[in-house]
N, C-alpha and C. Protein backbone atom coordinates (compact mmCIF):
# COMPACT_ATOMS: atom_id res chain seq x y z
N UNK A 1 6.75 12.63 41.53
CA UNK A 1 6.97 12.03 40.30
C UNK A 1 7.45 13.09 39.32
N UNK A 2 8.55 12.79 38.64
CA UNK A 2 9.00 13.65 37.73
C UNK A 2 8.49 13.27 36.34
N UNK A 3 8.03 14.37 35.51
CA UNK A 3 7.65 13.98 34.12
C UNK A 3 8.82 14.10 33.15
N UNK A 4 8.97 13.10 32.36
CA UNK A 4 9.92 13.04 31.28
C UNK A 4 9.52 14.02 30.27
N UNK A 5 10.57 14.78 29.72
CA UNK A 5 10.34 15.77 28.57
C UNK A 5 10.53 15.00 27.43
N UNK A 6 9.46 14.82 26.63
CA UNK A 6 9.41 14.08 25.27
C UNK A 6 9.25 15.02 24.11
N UNK A 7 10.30 15.33 23.41
CA UNK A 7 10.10 16.27 22.31
C UNK A 7 9.54 15.33 21.03
N UNK A 8 8.39 15.93 20.51
CA UNK A 8 7.84 15.30 19.44
C UNK A 8 8.62 15.55 18.09
N UNK A 9 8.98 14.64 17.38
CA UNK A 9 9.67 14.90 16.08
C UNK A 9 8.71 14.56 14.97
N UNK A 10 8.90 15.42 14.02
CA UNK A 10 7.97 15.23 12.77
C UNK A 10 8.58 14.04 12.09
N UNK A 11 7.47 13.28 11.45
CA UNK A 11 7.84 12.03 10.76
C UNK A 11 8.87 12.12 9.69
N UNK A 12 8.73 13.32 8.97
CA UNK A 12 9.75 13.53 7.75
C UNK A 12 11.14 13.64 8.37
N UNK A 13 11.32 14.11 9.62
CA UNK A 13 12.60 14.31 10.27
C UNK A 13 13.07 12.97 10.53
N UNK A 14 12.17 12.01 11.11
CA UNK A 14 12.63 10.71 11.30
C UNK A 14 12.88 9.93 10.06
N UNK A 15 12.17 10.17 9.06
CA UNK A 15 12.65 9.42 7.91
C UNK A 15 13.95 9.87 7.42
N UNK A 16 14.10 11.31 7.37
CA UNK A 16 15.53 11.84 6.90
C UNK A 16 16.52 11.24 7.69
N UNK A 17 16.44 11.14 9.08
CA UNK A 17 17.57 10.70 9.85
C UNK A 17 17.90 9.34 9.74
N UNK A 18 16.89 8.40 9.32
CA UNK A 18 17.10 7.04 9.14
C UNK A 18 17.54 6.61 7.80
N UNK A 19 16.66 7.22 6.77
CA UNK A 19 16.72 6.93 5.32
C UNK A 19 17.35 8.03 4.40
N UNK A 20 17.60 9.12 4.97
CA UNK A 20 18.15 10.21 4.12
C UNK A 20 17.09 11.14 3.51
N UNK A 21 17.38 12.07 2.84
CA UNK A 21 16.48 13.07 2.16
C UNK A 21 15.75 12.43 1.03
N UNK A 22 14.63 12.94 0.69
CA UNK A 22 14.00 12.47 -0.43
C UNK A 22 14.87 12.48 -1.74
N UNK A 23 14.86 11.55 -2.51
CA UNK A 23 15.81 11.26 -3.62
C UNK A 23 17.06 10.47 -3.40
N UNK A 24 17.42 10.50 -2.12
CA UNK A 24 18.67 9.64 -1.83
C UNK A 24 18.40 8.03 -2.17
N UNK A 25 19.26 7.43 -2.50
CA UNK A 25 19.02 5.86 -2.87
C UNK A 25 18.28 5.23 -1.77
N UNK A 26 18.78 5.27 -0.50
CA UNK A 26 18.02 4.44 0.50
C UNK A 26 16.67 4.97 0.79
N UNK A 27 16.41 6.14 0.68
CA UNK A 27 15.03 6.80 0.86
C UNK A 27 14.26 6.34 -0.38
N UNK A 28 14.63 6.29 -1.45
CA UNK A 28 13.91 5.77 -2.59
C UNK A 28 13.27 4.38 -2.50
N UNK A 29 14.19 3.53 -1.89
CA UNK A 29 13.78 2.18 -1.58
C UNK A 29 12.56 2.16 -0.58
N UNK A 30 12.85 2.99 0.46
CA UNK A 30 11.76 3.20 1.52
C UNK A 30 10.42 3.60 1.00
N UNK A 31 10.55 4.83 0.09
CA UNK A 31 9.37 5.26 -0.48
C UNK A 31 8.72 4.20 -1.25
N UNK A 32 9.40 3.49 -2.12
CA UNK A 32 8.73 2.44 -2.99
C UNK A 32 8.09 1.43 -2.15
N UNK A 33 8.79 0.89 -1.17
CA UNK A 33 8.16 -0.15 -0.20
C UNK A 33 6.95 0.48 0.54
N UNK A 34 6.98 1.70 0.86
CA UNK A 34 5.84 2.12 1.47
C UNK A 34 4.53 2.34 0.65
N UNK A 35 4.96 2.74 -0.64
CA UNK A 35 3.83 2.85 -1.68
C UNK A 35 3.14 1.53 -1.86
N UNK A 36 4.05 0.35 -1.88
CA UNK A 36 3.52 -0.88 -2.15
C UNK A 36 2.73 -1.32 -0.91
N UNK A 37 3.08 -0.98 0.38
CA UNK A 37 2.34 -1.37 1.52
C UNK A 37 1.14 -0.64 1.48
N UNK A 38 1.08 0.59 1.18
CA UNK A 38 -0.14 1.49 1.03
C UNK A 38 -1.20 0.89 -0.02
N UNK A 39 -0.68 0.48 -1.04
CA UNK A 39 -1.67 -0.27 -2.18
C UNK A 39 -2.29 -1.47 -1.41
N UNK A 40 -1.43 -2.24 -0.73
CA UNK A 40 -2.08 -3.43 -0.07
C UNK A 40 -2.98 -3.06 0.91
N UNK A 41 -2.84 -2.15 1.86
CA UNK A 41 -3.62 -1.81 2.79
C UNK A 41 -5.04 -1.29 2.15
N UNK A 42 -4.78 -0.28 1.30
CA UNK A 42 -6.04 0.23 0.61
C UNK A 42 -6.93 -0.87 -0.09
N UNK A 43 -6.33 -1.93 -0.76
CA UNK A 43 -7.15 -2.93 -1.44
C UNK A 43 -7.89 -3.73 -0.37
N UNK A 44 -7.14 -4.04 0.79
CA UNK A 44 -7.76 -4.90 1.73
C UNK A 44 -8.88 -4.12 2.25
N UNK A 45 -8.78 -2.90 2.60
CA UNK A 45 -9.87 -2.07 3.16
C UNK A 45 -11.14 -1.96 2.22
N UNK A 46 -10.85 -1.81 0.97
CA UNK A 46 -11.84 -1.61 -0.07
C UNK A 46 -12.55 -3.07 -0.11
N UNK A 47 -11.74 -4.09 -0.09
CA UNK A 47 -12.37 -5.46 -0.23
C UNK A 47 -13.35 -5.76 0.98
N UNK A 48 -12.79 -5.32 2.29
CA UNK A 48 -13.62 -5.55 3.46
C UNK A 48 -14.94 -4.66 3.44
N UNK A 49 -14.71 -3.42 2.82
CA UNK A 49 -15.82 -2.57 2.79
C UNK A 49 -16.93 -3.14 1.84
N UNK A 50 -16.55 -3.82 0.90
CA UNK A 50 -17.61 -4.60 -0.03
C UNK A 50 -18.03 -5.79 0.43
N UNK A 51 -17.56 -6.28 1.60
CA UNK A 51 -17.92 -7.57 2.18
C UNK A 51 -17.51 -8.84 1.39
N UNK A 52 -16.36 -8.75 0.78
CA UNK A 52 -15.60 -9.74 0.09
C UNK A 52 -14.67 -10.49 0.87
N UNK A 53 -14.58 -11.76 0.57
CA UNK A 53 -13.40 -12.48 1.08
C UNK A 53 -12.19 -12.32 0.01
N UNK A 54 -11.10 -12.86 0.24
CA UNK A 54 -9.95 -12.83 -0.73
C UNK A 54 -10.34 -13.78 -1.96
N UNK A 55 -10.97 -14.78 -1.51
CA UNK A 55 -11.39 -15.80 -2.59
C UNK A 55 -12.37 -15.24 -3.48
N UNK A 56 -13.36 -14.60 -2.93
CA UNK A 56 -14.23 -13.88 -3.73
C UNK A 56 -13.76 -12.90 -4.83
N UNK A 57 -12.94 -12.05 -4.12
CA UNK A 57 -12.29 -11.08 -4.92
C UNK A 57 -11.48 -11.72 -6.04
N UNK A 58 -10.70 -12.67 -5.78
CA UNK A 58 -9.96 -13.34 -6.75
C UNK A 58 -10.79 -13.94 -7.79
N UNK A 59 -11.89 -14.49 -7.58
CA UNK A 59 -12.82 -15.20 -8.39
C UNK A 59 -13.26 -13.95 -9.48
N UNK A 60 -13.67 -12.86 -8.87
CA UNK A 60 -14.16 -11.86 -9.69
C UNK A 60 -13.25 -11.22 -10.64
N UNK A 61 -11.91 -11.30 -10.44
CA UNK A 61 -10.88 -10.66 -11.23
C UNK A 61 -10.06 -11.59 -11.95
N UNK A 62 -10.32 -12.94 -11.71
CA UNK A 62 -9.70 -13.91 -12.42
C UNK A 62 -8.27 -14.27 -12.09
N UNK A 63 -8.01 -14.15 -10.72
CA UNK A 63 -6.74 -14.59 -10.15
C UNK A 63 -7.09 -15.61 -9.08
N UNK A 64 -5.98 -15.88 -8.18
CA UNK A 64 -6.28 -16.70 -7.08
C UNK A 64 -6.14 -15.97 -5.65
N UNK A 65 -6.47 -16.72 -4.67
CA UNK A 65 -6.65 -16.03 -3.25
C UNK A 65 -5.27 -15.71 -2.82
N UNK A 66 -4.30 -16.57 -3.16
CA UNK A 66 -2.97 -16.40 -2.66
C UNK A 66 -2.21 -15.20 -3.01
N UNK A 67 -2.57 -14.82 -4.47
CA UNK A 67 -2.22 -13.62 -5.02
C UNK A 67 -2.77 -12.32 -4.28
N UNK A 68 -4.17 -12.34 -4.07
CA UNK A 68 -4.73 -11.31 -3.43
C UNK A 68 -3.95 -11.20 -1.99
N UNK A 69 -3.80 -12.30 -1.26
CA UNK A 69 -3.23 -12.22 0.01
C UNK A 69 -1.77 -11.54 -0.10
N UNK A 70 -1.06 -12.00 -1.07
CA UNK A 70 0.43 -11.56 -1.15
C UNK A 70 0.28 -9.96 -1.51
N UNK A 71 -0.54 -9.55 -2.30
CA UNK A 71 -0.62 -8.05 -2.46
C UNK A 71 -0.96 -7.33 -1.24
N UNK A 72 -2.08 -7.87 -0.49
CA UNK A 72 -2.41 -7.18 0.65
C UNK A 72 -1.42 -7.20 1.82
N UNK A 73 -0.50 -8.10 1.76
CA UNK A 73 0.59 -8.33 2.78
C UNK A 73 1.84 -7.77 2.38
N UNK A 74 1.95 -7.05 1.11
CA UNK A 74 2.91 -6.44 0.67
C UNK A 74 4.16 -7.44 0.34
N UNK A 75 3.76 -8.67 -0.17
CA UNK A 75 4.67 -9.65 -0.48
C UNK A 75 4.80 -9.78 -1.93
N UNK A 76 4.13 -9.08 -2.76
CA UNK A 76 4.17 -9.26 -4.24
C UNK A 76 4.02 -7.80 -4.87
N UNK A 77 4.72 -7.74 -5.82
CA UNK A 77 4.66 -6.44 -6.67
C UNK A 77 3.50 -6.78 -7.56
N UNK A 78 2.86 -5.65 -8.04
CA UNK A 78 1.58 -5.65 -8.79
C UNK A 78 1.61 -4.88 -9.96
N UNK A 79 1.27 -5.35 -11.19
CA UNK A 79 1.26 -4.53 -12.40
C UNK A 79 0.11 -3.80 -12.31
N UNK A 80 0.36 -2.52 -13.16
CA UNK A 80 -0.81 -1.46 -13.17
C UNK A 80 -2.17 -2.18 -13.85
N UNK A 81 -1.88 -3.01 -14.84
CA UNK A 81 -3.08 -3.62 -15.47
C UNK A 81 -3.73 -4.54 -14.58
N UNK A 82 -3.09 -5.30 -13.70
CA UNK A 82 -3.65 -6.09 -12.68
C UNK A 82 -4.35 -5.30 -11.70
N UNK A 83 -3.67 -4.28 -11.06
CA UNK A 83 -4.34 -3.48 -10.15
C UNK A 83 -5.64 -2.72 -10.68
N UNK A 84 -5.58 -2.40 -11.80
CA UNK A 84 -6.81 -1.90 -12.53
C UNK A 84 -7.89 -2.89 -12.43
N UNK A 85 -7.59 -4.08 -12.81
CA UNK A 85 -8.54 -5.10 -12.95
C UNK A 85 -9.29 -5.47 -11.59
N UNK A 86 -8.26 -5.55 -10.58
CA UNK A 86 -8.72 -5.79 -9.24
C UNK A 86 -9.75 -4.66 -8.76
N UNK A 87 -9.26 -3.46 -9.02
CA UNK A 87 -10.10 -2.21 -8.51
C UNK A 87 -11.50 -2.28 -9.35
N UNK A 88 -11.43 -2.31 -10.73
CA UNK A 88 -12.58 -2.02 -11.47
C UNK A 88 -13.44 -3.39 -11.69
N UNK A 89 -12.74 -4.35 -11.85
CA UNK A 89 -13.77 -5.66 -12.13
C UNK A 89 -13.99 -6.39 -10.72
N UNK A 90 -13.10 -6.40 -9.93
CA UNK A 90 -13.21 -7.08 -8.74
C UNK A 90 -14.03 -6.41 -7.59
N UNK A 91 -13.61 -5.05 -7.42
CA UNK A 91 -14.20 -4.15 -6.50
C UNK A 91 -15.41 -3.31 -6.99
N UNK A 92 -15.46 -3.08 -8.25
CA UNK A 92 -16.40 -2.16 -8.77
C UNK A 92 -16.03 -0.69 -8.64
N UNK A 93 -14.74 -0.50 -8.53
CA UNK A 93 -14.38 0.85 -8.32
C UNK A 93 -13.68 1.49 -9.53
N UNK A 94 -13.04 2.65 -9.28
CA UNK A 94 -12.24 3.37 -10.38
C UNK A 94 -10.88 3.58 -9.84
N UNK A 95 -9.85 3.18 -10.54
CA UNK A 95 -8.37 3.55 -10.20
C UNK A 95 -8.15 4.87 -10.72
N UNK A 96 -7.51 5.75 -9.86
CA UNK A 96 -7.08 7.01 -10.10
C UNK A 96 -5.54 7.11 -9.78
N UNK A 97 -4.75 7.52 -10.58
CA UNK A 97 -3.29 7.56 -10.27
C UNK A 97 -2.79 9.06 -10.41
N UNK A 98 -2.13 9.34 -9.24
CA UNK A 98 -1.50 10.83 -9.16
C UNK A 98 -0.04 10.79 -9.36
N UNK A 99 0.45 11.64 -10.21
CA UNK A 99 1.71 11.73 -10.44
C UNK A 99 2.32 13.06 -9.85
N UNK A 100 3.40 13.05 -8.93
CA UNK A 100 4.04 14.10 -8.49
C UNK A 100 5.38 14.19 -8.89
N UNK A 101 5.68 15.41 -9.54
CA UNK A 101 7.06 15.59 -9.92
C UNK A 101 7.71 16.82 -9.09
């Protein structure tokens, strides 16, 4: 049996080939969408770590379950003030933001 020769490609190379280099319009859209996805996944993991349902988290921070679900599933943009309220009031955490230039 012959083994296939698979060349591993760096993720950045794949991104560049499909969406262009960092700063290109198509790549900026991808980067924004990925950041939103990452926020949703991070919030979901934190919520589960705290043992909270979406409903319980929503009640703690004064929103509704469907909004929490939309954020976790990357179906809704989130304002910084709302994100801070969810993290600090709902999850008892601290929001830290990093700026890269």
